[in-house]
């Protein structure tokens, strides 16, 4: 079940108006002269409708990406097919690492899409590959509310974003607690034992190992819960901050 707090960022003035505008011009779209079922009908839209459509698509990508953070919690909270994973060299810690790195990437992707949304709402026409913070600052004041909200998002999640960069560009995942469980508590050996390897004079305390794995997993789930909550709050403020400029641009069409 999706809790209401998971989707709060959908109930802001911008998102509500986008949904309303999309539903309004969709009512008669298929009856417009020149409409072809299954064909390319974009040119049947007027300039206001094209503007709404472009922003709606980017906002939808933003929401979809934010939702992925909620999915990460579901994946982290369970380690299904344990036997199959271990036989293929995927320990529970590696499973947790995989989804934790996914969290870092999703947070960074949200920030990237926020930049694209500012670019589109303000109609700056900056190419997607060049839509950086510095490029946006050349056209929109840092004191503008959407820019301020985007800066808050970056500073709030800077640590996770930096971890994403290290992971993506250098293949490094720094986690002292995970390393301790791997080496000191024997997690590094357990996956090999599951594949039939025998280590002489190795006496693993499986109960203690499982306890440490569960404790580590619970901490990562708690991290996702915290990120999910703050991410939703910041996105709601960010999307709300764009509504004034959206309205101005829409009625200037």
C-alpha atoms as a PDB file:
ATOM      1  CA  UNK A   1       0.000   0.000   0.000  1.00  0.00           C
ATOM      2  CA  UNK A   2       1.263   3.492  -0.850  1.00  0.00           C
ATOM      3  CA  UNK A   3       1.040   5.805   2.121  1.00  0.00           C
ATOM      4  CA  UNK A   4      -0.132   9.349   1.536  1.00  0.00           C
ATOM      5  CA  UNK A   5       3.200  10.810   2.660  1.00  0.00           C
ATOM      6  CA  UNK A   6       4.935   8.917  -0.149  1.00  0.00           C
ATOM      7  CA  UNK A   7       3.204  10.975  -2.840  1.00  0.00           C
ATOM      8  CA  UNK A   8       2.808  14.383  -1.215  1.00  0.00           C
ATOM      9  CA  UNK A   9       4.843  15.993  -3.998  1.00  0.00           C
ATOM     10  CA  UNK A  10       1.977  15.288  -6.405  1.00  0.00           C
ATOM     11  CA  UNK A  11      -0.384  17.590  -4.502  1.00  0.00           C
ATOM     12  CA  UNK A  12       1.241  20.928  -5.223  1.00  0.00           C
ATOM     13  CA  UNK A  13      -0.136  23.773  -7.370  1.00  0.00           C
ATOM     14  CA  UNK A  14       2.076  23.024 -10.375  1.00  0.00           C
ATOM     15  CA  UNK A  15       1.327  19.292 -10.509  1.00  0.00           C
ATOM     16  CA  UNK A  16      -2.388  19.859 -10.032  1.00  0.00           C
ATOM     17  CA  UNK A  17      -2.547  22.481 -12.775  1.00  0.00           C
ATOM     18  CA  UNK A  18      -0.511  20.365 -15.183  1.00  0.00           C
ATOM     19  CA  UNK A  19      -2.895  17.468 -14.670  1.00  0.00           C
ATOM     20  CA  UNK A  20      -5.877  19.768 -15.181  1.00  0.00           C
ATOM     21  CA  UNK A  21      -4.464  21.326 -18.372  1.00  0.00           C
ATOM     22  CA  UNK A  22      -3.560  17.915 -19.802  1.00  0.00           C
ATOM     23  CA  UNK A  23      -7.026  16.518 -19.128  1.00  0.00           C
ATOM     24  CA  UNK A  24      -8.733  19.577 -20.607  1.00  0.00           C
ATOM     25  CA  UNK A  25      -7.060  19.536 -24.015  1.00  0.00           C
ATOM     26  CA  UNK A  26      -7.188  15.748 -24.166  1.00  0.00           C
ATOM     27  CA  UNK A  27     -10.985  15.778 -24.186  1.00  0.00           C
ATOM     28  CA  UNK A  28     -11.306  16.710 -27.851  1.00  0.00           C
ATOM     29  CA  UNK A  29      -7.842  15.833 -29.092  1.00  0.00           C
ATOM     30  CA  UNK A  30      -8.907  12.771 -31.086  1.00  0.00           C
ATOM     31  CA  UNK A  31     -11.641  14.794 -32.818  1.00  0.00           C
ATOM     32  CA  UNK A  32      -9.288  17.464 -34.128  1.00  0.00           C
ATOM     33  CA  UNK A  33      -8.877  17.698 -37.908  1.00  0.00           C
ATOM     34  CA  UNK A  34      -5.836  15.770 -39.060  1.00  0.00           C
ATOM     35  CA  UNK A  35      -5.718  13.407 -36.086  1.00  0.00           C
ATOM     36  CA  UNK A  36      -4.281   9.975 -36.992  1.00  0.00           C
ATOM     37  CA  UNK A  37      -4.777   7.093 -34.579  1.00  0.00           C
ATOM     38  CA  UNK A  38      -1.371   5.769 -33.581  1.00  0.00           C
ATOM     39  CA  UNK A  39       0.329   8.491 -35.597  1.00  0.00           C
ATOM     40  CA  UNK A  40       2.381  11.572 -34.781  1.00  0.00           C
ATOM     41  CA  UNK A  41      -0.136  14.217 -33.777  1.00  0.00           C
ATOM     42  CA  UNK A  42       2.036  16.656 -31.858  1.00  0.00           C
ATOM     43  CA  UNK A  43       1.533  19.417 -34.413  1.00  0.00           C
ATOM     44  CA  UNK A  44      -2.197  19.443 -33.625  1.00  0.00           C
ATOM     45  CA  UNK A  45      -1.375  21.040 -30.272  1.00  0.00           C
ATOM     46  CA  UNK A  46      -1.301  24.791 -29.895  1.00  0.00           C
ATOM     47  CA  UNK A  47       1.704  26.506 -28.265  1.00  0.00           C
ATOM     48  CA  UNK A  48       0.176  26.490 -24.784  1.00  0.00           C
ATOM     49  CA  UNK A  49      -0.574  22.781 -25.050  1.00  0.00           C
ATOM     50  CA  UNK A  50       2.925  21.978 -26.303  1.00  0.00           C
ATOM     51  CA  UNK A  51       4.388  23.905 -23.386  1.00  0.00           C
ATOM     52  CA  UNK A  52       2.228  22.002 -20.877  1.00  0.00           C
ATOM     53  CA  UNK A  53       3.061  18.664 -22.509  1.00  0.00           C
ATOM     54  CA  UNK A  54       6.820  19.242 -22.350  1.00  0.00           C
ATOM     55  CA  UNK A  55       6.690  20.171 -18.679  1.00  0.00           C
ATOM     56  CA  UNK A  56       4.288  17.365 -17.808  1.00  0.00           C
ATOM     57  CA  UNK A  57       6.632  14.780 -19.328  1.00  0.00           C
ATOM     58  CA  UNK A  58       9.626  16.037 -17.357  1.00  0.00           C
ATOM     59  CA  UNK A  59       7.588  16.227 -14.163  1.00  0.00           C
ATOM     60  CA  UNK A  60       6.404  12.659 -14.757  1.00  0.00           C
ATOM     61  CA  UNK A  61      10.031  11.530 -15.100  1.00  0.00           C
ATOM     62  CA  UNK A  62      10.826  13.342 -11.861  1.00  0.00           C
ATOM     63  CA  UNK A  63       7.976  11.636 -10.023  1.00  0.00           C
ATOM     64  CA  UNK A  64       8.832   8.218 -11.480  1.00  0.00           C
ATOM     65  CA  UNK A  65      12.448   8.592 -10.371  1.00  0.00           C
ATOM     66  CA  UNK A  66      11.410   9.712  -6.888  1.00  0.00           C
ATOM     67  CA  UNK A  67       9.119   6.681  -6.656  1.00  0.00           C
ATOM     68  CA  UNK A  68      12.116   4.439  -7.307  1.00  0.00           C
ATOM     69  CA  UNK A  69      13.442   5.431  -3.878  1.00  0.00           C
ATOM     70  CA  UNK A  70      10.346   3.868  -2.337  1.00  0.00           C
ATOM     71  CA  UNK A  71      10.947   0.708  -4.374  1.00  0.00           C
ATOM     72  CA  UNK A  72      14.534   0.515  -3.100  1.00  0.00           C
ATOM     73  CA  UNK A  73      13.192   0.186   0.428  1.00  0.00           C
ATOM     74  CA  UNK A  74      11.076  -2.796  -0.620  1.00  0.00           C
ATOM     75  CA  UNK A  75      14.066  -4.501  -2.249  1.00  0.00           C
ATOM     76  CA  UNK A  76      16.382  -3.808   0.689  1.00  0.00           C
ATOM     77  CA  UNK A  77      13.930  -5.085   3.259  1.00  0.00           C
ATOM     78  CA  UNK A  78      13.931  -8.589   1.771  1.00  0.00           C
ATOM     79  CA  UNK A  79      16.710 -10.919   0.610  1.00  0.00           C
ATOM     80  CA  UNK A  80      14.724 -13.388  -1.516  1.00  0.00           C
ATOM     81  CA  UNK A  81      16.146 -16.493  -3.215  1.00  0.00           C
ATOM     82  CA  UNK A  82      18.967 -16.589  -0.646  1.00  0.00           C
ATOM     83  CA  UNK A  83      20.270 -19.976  -1.795  1.00  0.00           C
ATOM     84  CA  UNK A  84      20.296 -18.997  -5.459  1.00  0.00           C
ATOM     85  CA  UNK A  85      21.978 -15.663  -4.753  1.00  0.00           C
ATOM     86  CA  UNK A  86      24.704 -17.231  -2.608  1.00  0.00           C
ATOM     87  CA  UNK A  87      25.367 -19.933  -5.170  1.00  0.00           C
ATOM     88  CA  UNK A  88      25.938 -17.158  -7.710  1.00  0.00           C
ATOM     89  CA  UNK A  89      28.285 -15.227  -5.443  1.00  0.00           C
ATOM     90  CA  UNK A  90      25.818 -12.580  -4.226  1.00  0.00           C
ATOM     91  CA  UNK A  91      25.899 -12.338  -0.451  1.00  0.00           C
ATOM     92  CA  UNK A  92      23.304 -10.352   1.464  1.00  0.00           C
ATOM     93  CA  UNK A  93      25.815  -7.544   1.952  1.00  0.00           C
ATOM     94  CA  UNK A  94      26.466  -7.340  -1.784  1.00  0.00           C
ATOM     95  CA  UNK A  95      22.721  -7.336  -2.356  1.00  0.00           C
ATOM     96  CA  UNK A  96      22.390  -4.438   0.095  1.00  0.00           C
ATOM     97  CA  UNK A  97      25.304  -2.611  -1.515  1.00  0.00           C
ATOM     98  CA  UNK A  98      23.717  -2.913  -4.960  1.00  0.00           C
ATOM     99  CA  UNK A  99      20.489  -1.273  -3.815  1.00  0.00           C
ATOM    100  CA  UNK A 100      22.262   1.305  -1.645  1.00  0.00           C
ATOM    101  CA  UNK A 101      24.220   2.463  -4.688  1.00  0.00           C
ATOM    102  CA  UNK A 102      20.894   2.586  -6.511  1.00  0.00           C
ATOM    103  CA  UNK A 103      19.684   5.004  -3.843  1.00  0.00           C
ATOM    104  CA  UNK A 104      22.682   7.283  -4.424  1.00  0.00           C
ATOM    105  CA  UNK A 105      22.035   7.273  -8.169  1.00  0.00           C
ATOM    106  CA  UNK A 106      18.314   8.014  -7.847  1.00  0.00           C
ATOM    107  CA  UNK A 107      18.923  11.012  -5.585  1.00  0.00           C
ATOM    108  CA  UNK A 108      21.421  12.403  -8.084  1.00  0.00           C
ATOM    109  CA  UNK A 109      19.032  11.742 -10.969  1.00  0.00           C
ATOM    110  CA  UNK A 110      16.268  13.671  -9.182  1.00  0.00           C
ATOM    111  CA  UNK A 111      18.609  16.667  -9.002  1.00  0.00           C
ATOM    112  CA  UNK A 112      19.422  16.359 -12.708  1.00  0.00           C
ATOM    113  CA  UNK A 113      15.735  16.284 -13.631  1.00  0.00           C
ATOM    114  CA  UNK A 114      15.055  19.301 -11.408  1.00  0.00           C
ATOM    115  CA  UNK A 115      17.512  21.251 -13.574  1.00  0.00           C
ATOM    116  CA  UNK A 116      15.747  20.101 -16.731  1.00  0.00           C
ATOM    117  CA  UNK A 117      12.416  21.191 -15.305  1.00  0.00           C
ATOM    118  CA  UNK A 118      13.712  24.685 -14.513  1.00  0.00           C
ATOM    119  CA  UNK A 119      15.112  24.859 -18.032  1.00  0.00           C
ATOM    120  CA  UNK A 120      11.732  23.969 -19.546  1.00  0.00           C
ATOM    121  CA  UNK A 121       9.494  26.051 -17.286  1.00  0.00           C
ATOM    122  CA  UNK A 122      11.612  29.168 -17.928  1.00  0.00           C
ATOM    123  CA  UNK A 123      11.950  28.182 -21.619  1.00  0.00           C
ATOM    124  CA  UNK A 124      15.718  28.686 -21.608  1.00  0.00           C
ATOM    125  CA  UNK A 125      16.296  26.208 -24.452  1.00  0.00           C
ATOM    126  CA  UNK A 126      19.557  24.945 -22.945  1.00  0.00           C
ATOM    127  CA  UNK A 127      20.503  21.593 -24.547  1.00  0.00           C
ATOM    128  CA  UNK A 128      19.892  18.703 -22.155  1.00  0.00           C
ATOM    129  CA  UNK A 129      23.557  17.688 -22.039  1.00  0.00           C
ATOM    130  CA  UNK A 130      24.566  21.241 -21.097  1.00  0.00           C
ATOM    131  CA  UNK A 131      21.861  21.888 -18.518  1.00  0.00           C
ATOM    132  CA  UNK A 132      24.128  22.377 -15.520  1.00  0.00           C
ATOM    133  CA  UNK A 133      23.725  24.531 -12.425  1.00  0.00           C
ATOM    134  CA  UNK A 134      26.254  27.043 -13.732  1.00  0.00           C
ATOM    135  CA  UNK A 135      24.499  27.285 -17.084  1.00  0.00           C
ATOM    136  CA  UNK A 136      21.127  27.849 -15.404  1.00  0.00           C
ATOM    137  CA  UNK A 137      22.616  30.579 -13.219  1.00  0.00           C
ATOM    138  CA  UNK A 138      23.468  32.564 -16.332  1.00  0.00           C
ATOM    139  CA  UNK A 139      19.746  32.901 -17.083  1.00  0.00           C
ATOM    140  CA  UNK A 140      17.933  32.614 -13.762  1.00  0.00           C
ATOM    141  CA  UNK A 141      18.876  34.447 -10.584  1.00  0.00           C
ATOM    142  CA  UNK A 142      20.138  32.301  -7.724  1.00  0.00           C
ATOM    143  CA  UNK A 143      17.652  34.228  -5.595  1.00  0.00           C
ATOM    144  CA  UNK A 144      14.714  32.907  -7.635  1.00  0.00           C
ATOM    145  CA  UNK A 145      12.756  30.477  -5.483  1.00  0.00           C
ATOM    146  CA  UNK A 146      13.167  27.414  -7.767  1.00  0.00           C
ATOM    147  CA  UNK A 147      16.947  27.937  -7.785  1.00  0.00           C
ATOM    148  CA  UNK A 148      16.992  28.307  -4.019  1.00  0.00           C
ATOM    149  CA  UNK A 149      14.993  25.115  -3.602  1.00  0.00           C
ATOM    150  CA  UNK A 150      17.279  23.247  -5.977  1.00  0.00           C
ATOM    151  CA  UNK A 151      20.304  24.446  -4.021  1.00  0.00           C
ATOM    152  CA  UNK A 152      18.712  23.241  -0.781  1.00  0.00           C
ATOM    153  CA  UNK A 153      18.166  19.825  -2.366  1.00  0.00           C
ATOM    154  CA  UNK A 154      21.803  19.602  -3.444  1.00  0.00           C
ATOM    155  CA  UNK A 155      23.160  20.650  -0.055  1.00  0.00           C
ATOM    156  CA  UNK A 156      20.790  18.301   1.786  1.00  0.00           C
ATOM    157  CA  UNK A 157      21.897  15.261  -0.204  1.00  0.00           C
ATOM    158  CA  UNK A 158      25.463  16.345  -1.013  1.00  0.00           C
ATOM    159  CA  UNK A 159      26.975  13.425   0.867  1.00  0.00           C
ATOM    160  CA  UNK A 160      24.926  10.855  -1.061  1.00  0.00           C
ATOM    161  CA  UNK A 161      25.598  12.635  -4.358  1.00  0.00           C
ATOM    162  CA  UNK A 162      29.349  12.606  -3.657  1.00  0.00           C
ATOM    163  CA  UNK A 163      29.139   8.878  -2.887  1.00  0.00           C
ATOM    164  CA  UNK A 164      27.353   8.407  -6.198  1.00  0.00           C
ATOM    165  CA  UNK A 165      30.178  10.159  -8.046  1.00  0.00           C
ATOM    166  CA  UNK A 166      32.829   8.013  -6.351  1.00  0.00           C
ATOM    167  CA  UNK A 167      30.869   4.864  -7.152  1.00  0.00           C
ATOM    168  CA  UNK A 168      30.140   5.797 -10.775  1.00  0.00           C
ATOM    169  CA  UNK A 169      33.495   7.251 -11.777  1.00  0.00           C
ATOM    170  CA  UNK A 170      35.932   5.277  -9.630  1.00  0.00           C
ATOM    171  CA  UNK A 171      34.056   2.070  -8.764  1.00  0.00           C
ATOM    172  CA  UNK A 172      34.528   2.696  -5.042  1.00  0.00           C
ATOM    173  CA  UNK A 173      32.024   1.867  -2.312  1.00  0.00           C
ATOM    174  CA  UNK A 174      33.313   2.979   1.082  1.00  0.00           C
ATOM    175  CA  UNK A 175      31.516   1.431   4.035  1.00  0.00           C
ATOM    176  CA  UNK A 176      33.556   0.498   7.118  1.00  0.00           C
ATOM    177  CA  UNK A 177      30.663  -1.343   8.749  1.00  0.00           C
ATOM    178  CA  UNK A 178      30.163  -3.560   5.707  1.00  0.00           C
ATOM    179  CA  UNK A 179      33.907  -4.261   5.524  1.00  0.00           C
ATOM    180  CA  UNK A 180      33.902  -5.296   9.176  1.00  0.00           C
ATOM    181  CA  UNK A 181      31.046  -7.765   8.624  1.00  0.00           C
ATOM    182  CA  UNK A 182      32.766  -9.101   5.508  1.00  0.00           C
ATOM    183  CA  UNK A 183      36.105  -9.779   7.146  1.00  0.00           C
ATOM    184  CA  UNK A 184      35.697  -9.940  10.925  1.00  0.00           C
ATOM    185  CA  UNK A 185      32.365 -11.779  11.033  1.00  0.00           C
ATOM    186  CA  UNK A 186      33.054 -13.996   8.015  1.00  0.00           C
ATOM    187  CA  UNK A 187      30.497 -12.843   5.454  1.00  0.00           C
ATOM    188  CA  UNK A 188      33.195 -13.030   2.769  1.00  0.00           C
ATOM    189  CA  UNK A 189      33.518 -16.784   3.369  1.00  0.00           C
ATOM    190  CA  UNK A 190      29.836 -17.678   3.692  1.00  0.00           C
ATOM    191  CA  UNK A 191      29.026 -17.192   0.000  1.00  0.00           C
ATOM    192  CA  UNK A 192      31.905 -19.490  -0.977  1.00  0.00           C
ATOM    193  CA  UNK A 193      30.745 -22.143   1.468  1.00  0.00           C
ATOM    194  CA  UNK A 194      27.326 -21.986  -0.205  1.00  0.00           C
ATOM    195  CA  UNK A 195      29.058 -22.827  -3.489  1.00  0.00           C
ATOM    196  CA  UNK A 196      30.755 -25.898  -2.012  1.00  0.00           C
ATOM    197  CA  UNK A 197      34.103 -24.482  -0.942  1.00  0.00           C
ATOM    198  CA  UNK A 198      35.566 -25.886   2.267  1.00  0.00           C
ATOM    199  CA  UNK A 199      37.805 -23.785   4.498  1.00  0.00           C
ATOM    200  CA  UNK A 200      39.839 -25.702   7.051  1.00  0.00           C
ATOM    201  CA  UNK A 201      39.974 -24.382  10.613  1.00  0.00           C
ATOM    202  CA  UNK A 202      37.222 -21.872   9.833  1.00  0.00           C
ATOM    203  CA  UNK A 203      34.610 -21.682  12.538  1.00  0.00           C
ATOM    204  CA  UNK A 204      31.994 -19.131  11.594  1.00  0.00           C
ATOM    205  CA  UNK A 205      29.428 -18.034  14.141  1.00  0.00           C
ATOM    206  CA  UNK A 206      26.449 -18.105  11.774  1.00  0.00           C
ATOM    207  CA  UNK A 207      24.019 -16.743  14.373  1.00  0.00           C
ATOM    208  CA  UNK A 208      26.216 -13.725  15.035  1.00  0.00           C
ATOM    209  CA  UNK A 209      26.769 -13.207  11.304  1.00  0.00           C
ATOM    210  CA  UNK A 210      23.046 -13.244  10.611  1.00  0.00           C
ATOM    211  CA  UNK A 211      22.506 -10.788  13.463  1.00  0.00           C
ATOM    212  CA  UNK A 212      25.110  -8.383  12.057  1.00  0.00           C
ATOM    213  CA  UNK A 213      23.630  -8.714   8.553  1.00  0.00           C
ATOM    214  CA  UNK A 214      20.137  -7.958   9.866  1.00  0.00           C
ATOM    215  CA  UNK A 215      21.408  -5.004  11.892  1.00  0.00           C
ATOM    216  CA  UNK A 216      23.230  -3.608   8.862  1.00  0.00           C
ATOM    217  CA  UNK A 217      20.170  -4.098   6.654  1.00  0.00           C
ATOM    218  CA  UNK A 218      17.926  -2.305   9.147  1.00  0.00           C
ATOM    219  CA  UNK A 219      20.253   0.699   9.142  1.00  0.00           C
ATOM    220  CA  UNK A 220      20.119   0.897   5.356  1.00  0.00           C
ATOM    221  CA  UNK A 221      16.311   0.630   5.374  1.00  0.00           C
ATOM    222  CA  UNK A 222      16.226   3.459   7.937  1.00  0.00           C
ATOM    223  CA  UNK A 223      18.435   5.539   5.617  1.00  0.00           C
ATOM    224  CA  UNK A 224      16.048   4.981   2.718  1.00  0.00           C
ATOM    225  CA  UNK A 225      13.081   5.938   4.914  1.00  0.00           C
ATOM    226  CA  UNK A 226      14.796   9.178   5.872  1.00  0.00           C
ATOM    227  CA  UNK A 227      15.778   9.981   2.288  1.00  0.00           C
ATOM    228  CA  UNK A 228      12.276   9.163   1.030  1.00  0.00           C
ATOM    229  CA  UNK A 229      10.658  11.489   3.555  1.00  0.00           C
ATOM    230  CA  UNK A 230      13.008  14.429   3.011  1.00  0.00           C
ATOM    231  CA  UNK A 231      13.028  13.905  -0.763  1.00  0.00           C
ATOM    232  CA  UNK A 232       9.224  14.164  -0.852  1.00  0.00           C
ATOM    233  CA  UNK A 233       9.201  17.318   1.262  1.00  0.00           C
ATOM    234  CA  UNK A 234      11.852  19.042  -0.863  1.00  0.00           C
ATOM    235  CA  UNK A 235      10.217  18.062  -4.146  1.00  0.00           C
ATOM    236  CA  UNK A 236       6.895  19.470  -2.966  1.00  0.00           C
ATOM    237  CA  UNK A 237       8.560  22.818  -2.208  1.00  0.00           C
ATOM    238  CA  UNK A 238      10.506  22.781  -5.467  1.00  0.00           C
ATOM    239  CA  UNK A 239       7.492  22.036  -7.669  1.00  0.00           C
ATOM    240  CA  UNK A 240       5.405  24.606  -5.816  1.00  0.00           C
ATOM    241  CA  UNK A 241       8.108  27.223  -6.411  1.00  0.00           C
ATOM    242  CA  UNK A 242       7.823  26.734 -10.190  1.00  0.00           C
ATOM    243  CA  UNK A 243       4.106  27.442 -10.373  1.00  0.00           C
ATOM    244  CA  UNK A 244       4.332  31.232 -10.574  1.00  0.00           C
ATOM    245  CA  UNK A 245       6.771  31.163 -13.492  1.00  0.00           C
ATOM    246  CA  UNK A 246       4.782  28.418 -15.204  1.00  0.00           C
ATOM    247  CA  UNK A 247       1.623  30.538 -15.008  1.00  0.00           C
ATOM    248  CA  UNK A 248       3.425  33.586 -16.367  1.00  0.00           C
ATOM    249  CA  UNK A 249       4.920  31.683 -19.300  1.00  0.00           C
ATOM    250  CA  UNK A 250       1.659  29.848 -20.042  1.00  0.00           C
ATOM    251  CA  UNK A 251      -0.441  32.986 -20.393  1.00  0.00           C
ATOM    252  CA  UNK A 252       2.240  34.729 -22.470  1.00  0.00           C
ATOM    253  CA  UNK A 253       1.763  32.107 -25.186  1.00  0.00           C
END
